[in-house]
Amino acid sequence: MAIDRRGETGLMPGWETFMQESQPGAVEGLQELIRIPSISALPEHSGDVTKAAECVADRLRAVGIEDVSIMPTGGHPVVYGQWLRAAGKPTILLYGHFDVQPVDPIELWDAGPFSAEIRDDRIYGRGASDMKGSLAALILAVEALLKGEGALPVNVKFILEGQEEIGSPQLPDFVVARRDLLSCDLVISADGQQYAVDQPSIEMGLRGLCAVEIDVRGPSRDLHSGSYGGAVQNPIHALVRLLDSMRGEQGDILVEGFYDDVVPLSNEDRRLMAKVPFDEEAYKRELGVKDLFGEAGYSPVERKWARPTLEINGIFGGFQGEGTKTVLPSEAHAKITCRLVPNQEPDQVIAAIQHHVDRNQQPGVEITSTPEGSGARPYLIPPDQWGNRAAREVLAELYGKAPVYTRTGGSVPVCAIFLSELGSYTVLFGFGAPDEPVHAPNEFWRLSSFDRARRAYSLLLHRLAA
């Protein structure tokens, strides 16, 4: 039965009244979730990922979601739940994740990374911005609608995962196997950001991802560089030469076939990106660099959102300690990731890199390349898709200004999975901000964003019902 509280608070709807009355408990519940160290990348924290799944499942049951279950995937679990009582209304799949990144370097944190400490209207902790804050806000918005109005304006299904931060390796098979269970008209992802604290945005695209490790092996043991240097190939030198052959002087990628499937940016694509506020000098100051760098013919915004990359994420081998050790190492290694754009396929890019490695073997060493993970496809949604139109209206109301259309340089693998397997677009509707150091020490989330996000999800579900 609907609860009409408008008489108590003028024109305020019942869901908003409930939300205001439950504010103190909402913050405490978010702190409880952040305090769970659900680091999906580290095996010693697998139990904590499961604990976070149990916490989220309990909350879904408490707010009135039905058929809640923790479902196995072969890796970290998925939490599912549904409320399907809005006859004749669309079915919205609500997506988020409860796993987080590792916390190192821990010495750079001002407080414990899982302390969920509140300072200056901010809550600090790993996962606060990415994305336990928006996840909690989404669940609380559904609670406010159910308990403040007695029903939801649309049908909803929840799929909340515990492996997004490691690339969702088991999720594709999970979605395929449960395609009927997850069928929907639209997906809303709470995983994402607004362009700035005071500037809303509609995210239209995500780059895909693939990863390769390169291993170089030379002599059977580390050698004395005085006794053997000059007579034996140094694996680190060989690795550096190979890596240098992959990119040109301006960052263009020299791997044969890498660009073959890249869809060129249209004039409209470039026009929308050019409208996004971007202060290049401020950007350089923020990053502490004198100059920006990248592929010629593209703006910095275009390069970081809509052009593919090949980056060396780590290179290691030989002596790493203080001082000098005159060693010629027996092996060297590098980790590479590529961000992909429509219509690049992870497997084809990996194959091109491996072919490049095979063609550029160096004398005196053996070089091998190994794919890491299953990769992620890029994702793109039309700006005028009906879910985006509803999101645009909600954001304009909350911020008092129109949102800009953006893309994200990072990857959320599940968006492309939902599109290919369910035939449903995903509207990216998260409320992190770029200055909240995601994946870095002292990550935080603004409590003002917590309040705004809960209101936004409630308003959005009403708009989607129309």
Protein backbone atom coordinates (compact mmCIF):
# COMPACT_ATOMS: atom_id res chain seq x y z
CA MET A 1 0.00 0.00 0.00
CA ALA A 2 1.41 3.39 -0.96
CA ILE A 3 2.42 5.71 1.86
CA ASP A 4 1.43 9.30 1.13
CA ARG A 5 3.52 11.67 3.22
CA ARG A 6 3.05 14.74 1.09
CA GLY A 7 0.65 16.21 3.61
CA GLU A 8 3.44 16.27 6.20
CA THR A 9 5.96 18.10 4.01
CA GLY A 10 4.10 20.11 1.43
CA LEU A 11 4.91 18.96 -2.10
CA MET A 12 7.68 16.57 -1.11
CA PRO A 13 7.01 13.04 -2.42
CA GLY A 14 6.93 10.12 -0.01
CA TRP A 15 10.23 8.68 -1.20
CA GLU A 16 12.06 11.93 -0.51
CA THR A 17 10.56 12.24 2.96
CA PHE A 18 11.68 8.71 3.77
CA MET A 19 15.14 9.47 2.41
CA GLN A 20 15.59 12.51 4.62
CA GLU A 21 14.43 10.67 7.72
CA SER A 22 16.82 7.77 7.11
CA GLN A 23 19.97 9.85 6.38
CA PRO A 24 21.98 9.00 9.56
CA GLY A 25 21.51 5.27 9.10
CA ALA A 26 22.38 5.55 5.41
CA VAL A 27 25.85 6.94 6.15
CA GLU A 28 26.52 4.30 8.80
CA GLY A 29 25.50 1.57 6.37
CA LEU A 30 27.92 2.91 3.76
CA GLN A 31 30.73 2.91 6.32
CA GLU A 32 29.98 -0.72 7.15
CA LEU A 33 30.25 -1.70 3.49
CA ILE A 34 33.50 0.23 2.92
CA ARG A 35 35.09 -1.45 5.96
CA ILE A 36 34.91 -4.85 4.23
CA PRO A 37 38.29 -5.28 2.41
CA SER A 38 36.77 -6.94 -0.66
CA ILE A 39 39.91 -6.90 -2.84
CA SER A 40 39.09 -9.24 -5.71
CA ALA A 41 42.66 -9.36 -7.10
CA LEU A 42 44.22 -10.88 -3.97
CA PRO A 43 43.41 -14.53 -3.12
CA GLU A 44 43.79 -13.89 0.61
CA HIS A 45 40.78 -11.55 0.40
CA SER A 46 38.41 -13.93 -1.41
CA GLY A 47 36.53 -14.47 1.84
CA ASP A 48 36.09 -10.71 2.18
CA VAL A 49 34.59 -10.52 -1.32
CA THR A 50 32.09 -13.17 -0.24
CA LYS A 51 31.44 -11.23 2.97
CA ALA A 52 30.67 -8.12 0.91
CA ALA A 53 28.30 -10.17 -1.24
CA GLU A 54 26.49 -11.34 1.90
CA CYS A 55 26.29 -7.76 3.18
CA VAL A 56 24.80 -6.52 -0.09
CA ALA A 57 22.36 -9.45 -0.29
CA ASP A 58 21.15 -8.77 3.26
CA ARG A 59 20.51 -5.15 2.36
CA LEU A 60 18.53 -6.04 -0.72
CA ARG A 61 16.32 -8.33 1.36
CA ALA A 62 15.88 -5.64 4.02
CA VAL A 63 14.67 -3.04 1.53
CA GLY A 64 12.08 -5.39 0.03
CA ILE A 65 13.77 -6.94 -3.00
CA GLU A 66 12.55 -10.47 -3.68
CA ASP A 67 14.28 -13.72 -4.69
CA VAL A 68 17.67 -12.46 -3.50
CA SER A 69 20.46 -14.98 -3.90
CA ILE A 70 24.24 -15.17 -3.96
CA MET A 71 25.09 -17.02 -7.15
CA PRO A 72 28.38 -18.81 -7.95
CA THR A 73 30.33 -17.94 -11.07
CA GLY A 74 33.43 -20.13 -10.80
CA GLY A 75 35.16 -17.07 -9.38
CA HIS A 76 33.86 -14.33 -7.11
CA PRO A 77 30.07 -14.44 -6.68
CA VAL A 78 27.20 -12.42 -8.11
CA VAL A 79 24.26 -11.13 -6.07
CA TYR A 80 20.88 -11.27 -7.80
CA GLY A 81 17.47 -9.98 -6.74
CA GLN A 82 14.27 -8.74 -8.38
CA TRP A 83 11.00 -6.84 -7.90
CA LEU A 84 8.63 -7.47 -10.81
CA ARG A 85 5.27 -6.08 -9.74
CA ALA A 86 4.94 -3.03 -12.01
CA ALA A 87 2.60 -4.44 -14.64
CA GLY A 88 3.02 -2.94 -18.08
CA LYS A 89 6.16 -1.02 -17.12
CA PRO A 90 9.71 -1.57 -18.43
CA THR A 91 12.14 -3.88 -16.69
CA ILE A 92 15.38 -2.21 -15.63
CA LEU A 93 18.49 -4.23 -14.76
CA LEU A 94 20.48 -2.42 -12.05
CA TYR A 95 24.22 -3.13 -12.15
CA GLY A 96 27.09 -2.47 -9.77
CA HIS A 97 30.07 -4.16 -8.13
CA PHE A 98 31.20 -4.57 -4.54
CA ASP A 99 34.82 -5.54 -5.10
CA VAL A 100 37.68 -3.05 -4.86
CA GLN A 101 41.28 -2.54 -5.97
CA PRO A 102 44.34 -3.31 -3.80
CA VAL A 103 45.44 -0.53 -1.43
CA ASP A 104 49.20 -0.29 -1.99
CA PRO A 105 51.25 1.79 -1.38
CA ILE A 106 49.65 1.65 2.06
CA GLU A 107 52.16 4.08 3.61
CA LEU A 108 50.62 6.92 1.55
CA TRP A 109 47.21 6.59 3.19
CA ASP A 110 46.44 9.22 5.85
CA ALA A 111 44.20 6.73 7.67
CA GLY A 112 43.51 3.01 7.31
CA PRO A 113 42.27 2.23 3.77
CA PHE A 114 39.24 0.46 5.21
CA SER A 115 38.57 2.77 8.15
CA ALA A 116 35.70 4.58 6.37
CA GLU A 117 36.72 7.70 8.27
CA ILE A 118 34.62 10.84 7.76
CA ARG A 119 36.45 14.16 7.48
CA ASP A 120 35.27 17.44 5.99
CA ASP A 121 32.03 15.95 4.63
CA ARG A 122 33.98 13.21 2.88
CA ILE A 123 34.13 9.49 3.57
CA TYR A 124 37.59 7.98 3.02
CA GLY A 125 38.41 4.40 2.10
CA ARG A 126 39.20 2.04 -0.73
CA GLY A 127 36.06 1.66 -2.82
CA ALA A 128 34.33 4.75 -1.43
CA SER A 129 34.14 6.42 -4.86
CA ASP A 130 34.61 3.27 -6.98
CA MET A 131 31.96 2.22 -6.34
CA LYS A 132 30.51 1.29 -2.96
CA GLY A 133 29.12 4.81 -2.52
CA SER A 134 27.01 4.76 -5.69
CA LEU A 135 26.08 1.11 -5.06
CA ALA A 136 24.75 1.94 -1.59
CA ALA A 137 22.92 4.98 -3.00
CA LEU A 138 21.23 2.82 -5.64
CA ILE A 139 19.96 0.32 -3.07
CA LEU A 140 18.80 3.10 -0.76
CA ALA A 141 16.92 4.83 -3.57
CA VAL A 142 15.00 1.63 -4.23
CA GLU A 143 14.28 1.35 -0.51
CA ALA A 144 12.97 4.93 -0.41
CA LEU A 145 10.60 4.23 -3.29
CA LEU A 146 9.35 0.97 -1.81
CA LYS A 147 8.94 2.21 1.75
CA GLY A 148 8.05 5.80 0.96
CA GLU A 149 5.56 5.06 -1.84
CA GLY A 150 4.79 1.38 -1.37
CA ALA A 151 5.89 0.30 -4.85
CA LEU A 152 8.47 0.87 -7.57
CA PRO A 153 7.51 2.74 -10.74
CA VAL A 154 9.26 0.11 -12.90
CA ASN A 155 10.25 -3.53 -12.62
CA VAL A 156 13.82 -4.00 -11.44
CA LYS A 157 16.41 -6.73 -11.38
CA PHE A 158 19.73 -6.41 -9.58
CA ILE A 159 23.00 -7.93 -10.77
CA LEU A 160 25.84 -6.96 -8.46
CA GLU A 161 29.22 -8.59 -9.03
CA GLY A 162 32.40 -9.20 -7.07
CA GLN A 163 34.97 -9.32 -9.87
CA GLU A 164 34.73 -6.10 -11.90
CA GLU A 165 38.13 -4.88 -10.72
CA ILE A 166 39.79 -7.96 -12.25
CA GLY A 167 37.96 -7.67 -15.58
CA SER A 168 34.82 -9.74 -14.80
CA PRO A 169 36.39 -12.97 -16.15
CA GLN A 170 33.48 -15.29 -15.30
CA LEU A 171 30.68 -12.82 -15.98
CA PRO A 172 30.29 -13.42 -19.75
CA ASP A 173 29.54 -17.11 -19.19
CA PHE A 174 27.30 -16.22 -16.25
CA VAL A 175 25.23 -13.83 -18.38
CA VAL A 176 24.98 -16.30 -21.27
CA ALA A 177 23.83 -19.10 -18.96
CA ARG A 178 21.20 -16.87 -17.31
CA ARG A 179 20.11 -14.82 -20.27
CA ASP A 180 16.41 -15.38 -19.56
CA LEU A 181 16.75 -14.49 -15.88
CA LEU A 182 18.54 -11.23 -16.72
CA SER A 183 16.39 -10.18 -19.68
CA CYS A 184 15.49 -6.50 -19.51
CA ASP A 185 14.62 -3.40 -21.49
CA LEU A 186 17.53 -1.32 -20.21
CA VAL A 187 20.52 -1.55 -17.89
CA ILE A 188 21.47 1.18 -15.42
CA SER A 189 25.08 1.01 -14.24
CA ALA A 190 25.96 2.82 -11.02
CA ASP A 191 29.66 2.38 -11.87
CA GLY A 192 30.96 5.70 -13.15
CA GLN A 193 31.55 9.39 -12.64
CA GLN A 194 30.13 12.78 -13.42
CA TYR A 195 32.46 15.09 -15.33
CA ALA A 196 32.98 17.33 -12.31
CA VAL A 197 31.38 17.98 -8.93
CA ASP A 198 29.36 20.83 -10.46
CA GLN A 199 29.13 19.58 -14.09
CA PRO A 200 26.91 16.59 -14.94
CA SER A 201 27.67 14.33 -17.87
CA ILE A 202 26.24 11.53 -19.97
CA GLU A 203 28.86 8.86 -20.63
CA MET A 204 28.43 7.45 -24.11
CA GLY A 205 31.44 5.19 -24.47
CA LEU A 206 33.98 3.03 -22.73
CA ARG A 207 37.22 1.77 -24.16
CA GLY A 208 37.84 -1.95 -24.17
CA LEU A 209 40.89 -3.70 -22.74
CA CYS A 210 43.37 -6.46 -23.42
CA ALA A 211 46.62 -7.39 -21.69
CA VAL A 212 49.85 -9.21 -22.58
CA GLU A 213 52.92 -10.20 -20.58
CA ILE A 214 56.24 -10.36 -22.43
CA ASP A 215 59.02 -12.59 -21.06
CA VAL A 216 62.63 -12.45 -22.23
CA ARG A 217 65.01 -15.23 -21.21
CA GLY A 218 68.73 -15.28 -21.84
CA PRO A 219 71.50 -17.11 -19.93
CA SER A 220 70.59 -19.88 -17.52
CA ARG A 221 71.60 -17.76 -14.52
CA ASP A 222 72.45 -14.18 -13.61
CA LEU A 223 75.99 -13.38 -14.76
CA HIS A 224 78.81 -11.13 -13.57
CA SER A 225 78.58 -8.11 -15.87
CA GLY A 226 82.37 -7.69 -15.89
CA SER A 227 83.11 -11.28 -16.80
CA TYR A 228 80.34 -11.71 -19.36
CA GLY A 229 79.20 -8.23 -20.41
CA GLY A 230 79.80 -7.64 -24.10
CA ALA A 231 79.76 -11.33 -24.90
CA VAL A 232 76.17 -12.19 -23.92
CA GLN A 233 72.89 -10.42 -24.77
CA ASN A 234 71.35 -8.60 -21.83
CA PRO A 235 67.62 -9.56 -21.63
CA ILE A 236 66.70 -6.09 -20.38
CA HIS A 237 68.34 -4.43 -23.39
CA ALA A 238 66.57 -6.89 -25.70
CA LEU A 239 63.25 -6.16 -24.03
CA VAL A 240 63.72 -2.39 -24.32
CA ARG A 241 64.48 -2.68 -28.04
CA LEU A 242 61.36 -4.79 -28.59
CA LEU A 243 59.13 -2.43 -26.64
CA ASP A 244 60.51 0.59 -28.47
CA SER A 245 59.57 -1.00 -31.79
CA MET A 246 55.88 -0.96 -30.83
CA ARG A 247 55.32 2.82 -30.75
CA GLY A 248 56.40 5.81 -32.79
CA GLU A 249 57.86 9.05 -31.49
CA GLN A 250 54.43 10.63 -30.98
CA GLY A 251 52.83 7.56 -29.44
CA ASP A 252 51.34 6.15 -32.63
CA ILE A 253 51.24 2.37 -32.51
CA LEU A 254 53.50 0.56 -34.99
CA VAL A 255 52.14 -2.97 -34.46
CA GLU A 256 50.96 -4.18 -37.86
CA GLY A 257 47.16 -4.57 -37.98
CA PHE A 258 46.56 -2.74 -34.71
CA TYR A 259 44.40 0.00 -36.28
CA ASP A 260 42.68 -2.17 -38.89
CA ASP A 261 39.23 -2.27 -37.24
CA VAL A 262 39.25 1.17 -35.58
CA VAL A 263 36.13 3.19 -36.48
CA PRO A 264 37.20 6.75 -37.36
CA LEU A 265 35.73 9.57 -35.28
CA SER A 266 32.86 11.29 -37.05
CA ASN A 267 32.43 15.04 -37.22
CA GLU A 268 29.58 14.74 -34.70
CA ASP A 269 31.77 12.69 -32.35
CA ARG A 270 34.42 15.39 -32.42
CA ARG A 271 31.87 18.19 -32.05
CA LEU A 272 30.40 16.68 -28.87
CA MET A 273 33.84 16.12 -27.37
CA ALA A 274 34.92 19.65 -28.24
CA LYS A 275 31.98 21.00 -26.20
CA VAL A 276 33.28 19.36 -23.02
CA PRO A 277 35.06 21.89 -20.77
CA PHE A 278 38.78 21.16 -20.84
CA ASP A 279 41.55 23.44 -19.60
CA GLU A 280 44.80 22.02 -20.94
CA GLU A 281 47.03 24.17 -18.74
CA ALA A 282 45.10 23.25 -15.59
CA TYR A 283 45.22 19.60 -16.64
CA LYS A 284 49.02 19.73 -16.93
CA ARG A 285 49.33 21.43 -13.55
CA GLU A 286 47.11 18.81 -11.95
CA LEU A 287 49.24 15.99 -13.37
CA GLY A 288 52.55 17.72 -12.67
CA VAL A 289 53.78 17.52 -16.29
CA LYS A 290 55.20 20.23 -18.56
CA ASP A 291 53.74 18.86 -21.78
CA LEU A 292 51.04 16.47 -22.93
CA PHE A 293 51.93 13.67 -25.31
CA GLY A 294 50.08 11.55 -27.79
CA GLU A 295 48.94 10.65 -31.26
CA ALA A 296 49.13 13.55 -33.72
CA GLY A 297 45.93 14.94 -35.20
CA TYR A 298 43.78 14.42 -32.10
CA SER A 299 42.97 16.59 -29.11
CA PRO A 300 43.93 15.37 -25.61
CA VAL A 301 40.25 14.64 -24.91
CA GLU A 302 39.91 12.59 -28.09
CA ARG A 303 43.09 10.68 -27.34
CA LYS A 304 42.11 9.70 -23.81
CA TRP A 305 38.49 8.85 -24.60
CA ALA A 306 38.22 7.61 -28.15
CA ARG A 307 41.60 6.49 -29.50
CA PRO A 308 43.29 3.14 -28.79
CA THR A 309 46.45 2.84 -26.72
CA LEU A 310 49.33 0.48 -26.09
CA GLU A 311 50.92 1.15 -22.70
CA ILE A 312 53.76 -0.46 -20.76
CA ASN A 313 52.37 -0.86 -17.23
CA GLY A 314 55.43 -2.48 -15.73
CA ILE A 315 58.96 -3.52 -16.68
CA PHE A 316 61.15 -5.56 -14.38
CA GLY A 317 64.28 -7.68 -14.26
CA GLY A 318 67.70 -7.71 -12.68
CA PHE A 319 68.78 -5.94 -9.50
CA GLN A 320 66.20 -3.66 -7.85
CA GLY A 321 67.80 -2.78 -4.51
CA GLU A 322 69.77 0.22 -3.32
CA GLY A 323 73.29 0.75 -4.56
CA THR A 324 74.94 -1.23 -7.34
CA LYS A 325 75.09 -4.89 -8.17
CA THR A 326 77.09 -5.65 -11.29
CA VAL A 327 74.75 -8.29 -12.64
CA LEU A 328 73.72 -9.24 -16.14
CA PRO A 329 70.23 -10.66 -15.48
CA SER A 330 69.04 -13.94 -16.89
CA GLU A 331 65.55 -12.67 -17.70
CA ALA A 332 63.36 -9.58 -18.04
CA HIS A 333 59.62 -9.01 -18.22
CA ALA A 334 57.06 -6.39 -19.21
CA LYS A 335 53.32 -6.05 -18.76
CA ILE A 336 51.36 -4.33 -21.51
CA THR A 337 47.73 -3.27 -21.69
CA CYS A 338 45.84 -1.82 -24.63
CA ARG A 339 42.70 0.31 -24.42
CA LEU A 340 40.45 -0.47 -27.37
CA VAL A 341 37.83 1.51 -29.29
CA PRO A 342 34.97 0.46 -31.59
CA ASN A 343 35.24 -2.01 -33.40
CA GLN A 344 38.45 -3.53 -32.05
CA GLU A 345 38.29 -7.07 -30.70
CA PRO A 346 40.61 -8.04 -27.80
CA ASP A 347 41.60 -11.36 -29.36
CA GLN A 348 42.59 -9.75 -32.68
CA VAL A 349 44.67 -7.06 -31.00
CA ILE A 350 46.43 -9.69 -28.86
CA ALA A 351 47.17 -11.71 -31.99
CA ALA A 352 48.68 -8.65 -33.69
CA ILE A 353 50.95 -7.97 -30.69
CA GLN A 354 52.08 -11.59 -30.53
CA HIS A 355 52.83 -11.55 -34.25
CA HIS A 356 54.88 -8.37 -33.72
CA VAL A 357 56.85 -10.07 -30.93
CA ASP A 358 57.55 -13.08 -33.12
CA ARG A 359 58.77 -10.85 -35.98
CA ASN A 360 61.02 -8.82 -33.69
CA GLN A 361 62.95 -11.50 -31.84
CA GLN A 362 66.31 -10.26 -30.58
CA PRO A 363 69.59 -12.21 -30.91
CA GLY A 364 70.80 -14.23 -27.95
CA VAL A 365 67.49 -14.43 -26.07
CA GLU A 366 64.11 -16.13 -26.31
CA ILE A 367 61.08 -13.82 -26.20
CA THR A 368 57.57 -15.09 -25.55
CA SER A 369 54.22 -13.32 -25.10
CA THR A 370 51.24 -14.51 -23.09
CA PRO A 371 47.73 -13.02 -23.01
CA GLU A 372 46.44 -12.14 -19.54
CA GLY A 373 42.71 -12.34 -18.86
CA SER A 374 39.89 -12.51 -21.38
CA GLY A 375 39.88 -8.82 -22.28
CA ALA A 376 36.93 -6.49 -22.65
CA ARG A 377 35.20 -5.14 -25.70
CA PRO A 378 34.68 -1.40 -26.16
CA TYR A 379 31.17 0.00 -25.69
CA LEU A 380 29.26 2.86 -27.29
CA ILE A 381 25.65 4.03 -26.78
CA PRO A 382 23.83 6.58 -28.99
CA PRO A 383 23.45 9.96 -27.25
CA ASP A 384 19.69 10.04 -27.90
CA GLN A 385 18.95 6.50 -26.68
CA TRP A 386 15.76 6.61 -24.53
CA GLY A 387 17.57 5.81 -21.29
CA ASN A 388 20.07 8.58 -21.99
CA ARG A 389 17.23 11.02 -22.58
CA ALA A 390 15.75 10.21 -19.17
CA ALA A 391 19.18 10.51 -17.53
CA ARG A 392 19.75 13.88 -19.20
CA GLU A 393 16.47 15.24 -17.77
CA VAL A 394 17.28 14.04 -14.24
CA LEU A 395 20.81 15.45 -14.28
CA ALA A 396 19.64 18.82 -15.61
CA GLU A 397 17.10 19.02 -12.78
CA LEU A 398 19.59 18.09 -10.05
CA TYR A 399 22.53 20.21 -11.21
CA GLY A 400 20.64 23.13 -12.70
CA LYS A 401 22.55 22.82 -15.98
CA ALA A 402 22.58 20.55 -19.01
CA PRO A 403 24.96 17.59 -18.95
CA VAL A 404 27.82 17.33 -21.42
CA TYR A 405 28.36 14.18 -23.49
CA THR A 406 31.53 12.36 -22.54
CA ARG A 407 33.30 9.06 -22.93
CA THR A 408 35.47 7.20 -20.45
CA GLY A 409 38.99 6.06 -21.15
CA GLY A 410 38.63 3.14 -18.76
CA SER A 411 36.73 -0.10 -19.17
CA VAL A 412 33.56 -1.58 -17.68
CA PRO A 413 33.47 -4.99 -19.41
CA VAL A 414 29.91 -5.80 -18.50
CA CYS A 415 28.40 -3.05 -20.71
CA ALA A 416 29.48 -4.75 -23.93
CA ILE A 417 28.45 -8.12 -22.48
CA PHE A 418 24.91 -6.89 -21.75
CA LEU A 419 24.60 -5.41 -25.24
CA SER A 420 25.79 -8.54 -27.04
CA GLU A 421 23.99 -11.12 -24.86
CA LEU A 422 20.83 -9.32 -23.68
CA GLY A 423 20.42 -6.86 -26.54
CA SER A 424 20.14 -4.06 -23.98
CA TYR A 425 22.06 -0.80 -23.77
CA THR A 426 23.58 0.30 -20.49
CA VAL A 427 23.13 3.87 -19.25
CA LEU A 428 26.19 4.87 -17.23
CA PHE A 429 24.86 6.75 -14.22
CA GLY A 430 27.44 6.94 -11.43
CA PHE A 431 28.32 9.79 -9.12
CA GLY A 432 32.03 9.67 -8.48
CA ALA A 433 34.13 12.73 -9.27
CA PRO A 434 37.50 12.90 -11.06
CA ASP A 435 39.33 14.36 -8.06
CA GLU A 436 38.44 11.45 -5.76
CA PRO A 437 41.63 9.39 -6.18
CA VAL A 438 40.15 6.14 -7.45
CA HIS A 439 42.57 3.16 -7.30
CA ALA A 440 45.04 5.36 -5.37
CA PRO A 441 45.76 6.20 -1.72
CA ASN A 442 43.26 8.40 0.13
CA GLU A 443 40.31 7.57 -2.12
CA PHE A 444 37.20 9.37 -0.87
CA TRP A 445 33.59 10.14 -1.75
CA ARG A 446 31.66 13.28 -0.94
CA LEU A 447 28.66 12.88 1.32
CA SER A 448 26.95 15.54 -0.79
CA SER A 449 27.32 13.16 -3.75
CA PHE A 450 25.79 10.40 -1.62
CA ASP A 451 22.70 12.54 -1.09
CA ARG A 452 22.53 13.61 -4.73
CA ALA A 453 22.98 10.05 -6.01
CA ARG A 454 20.13 8.66 -3.91
CA ARG A 455 17.81 11.37 -5.23
CA ALA A 456 19.04 10.86 -8.79
CA TYR A 457 18.32 7.12 -8.84
CA SER A 458 14.83 7.66 -7.43
CA LEU A 459 14.06 10.34 -10.03
CA LEU A 460 15.52 8.25 -12.85
CA LEU A 461 13.36 5.22 -12.10
CA HIS A 462 10.30 7.47 -12.20
CA ARG A 463 11.38 8.97 -15.53
CA LEU A 464 11.98 5.54 -17.02
CA ALA A 465 8.45 4.52 -16.05
CA ALA A 466 7.15 7.27 -18.35
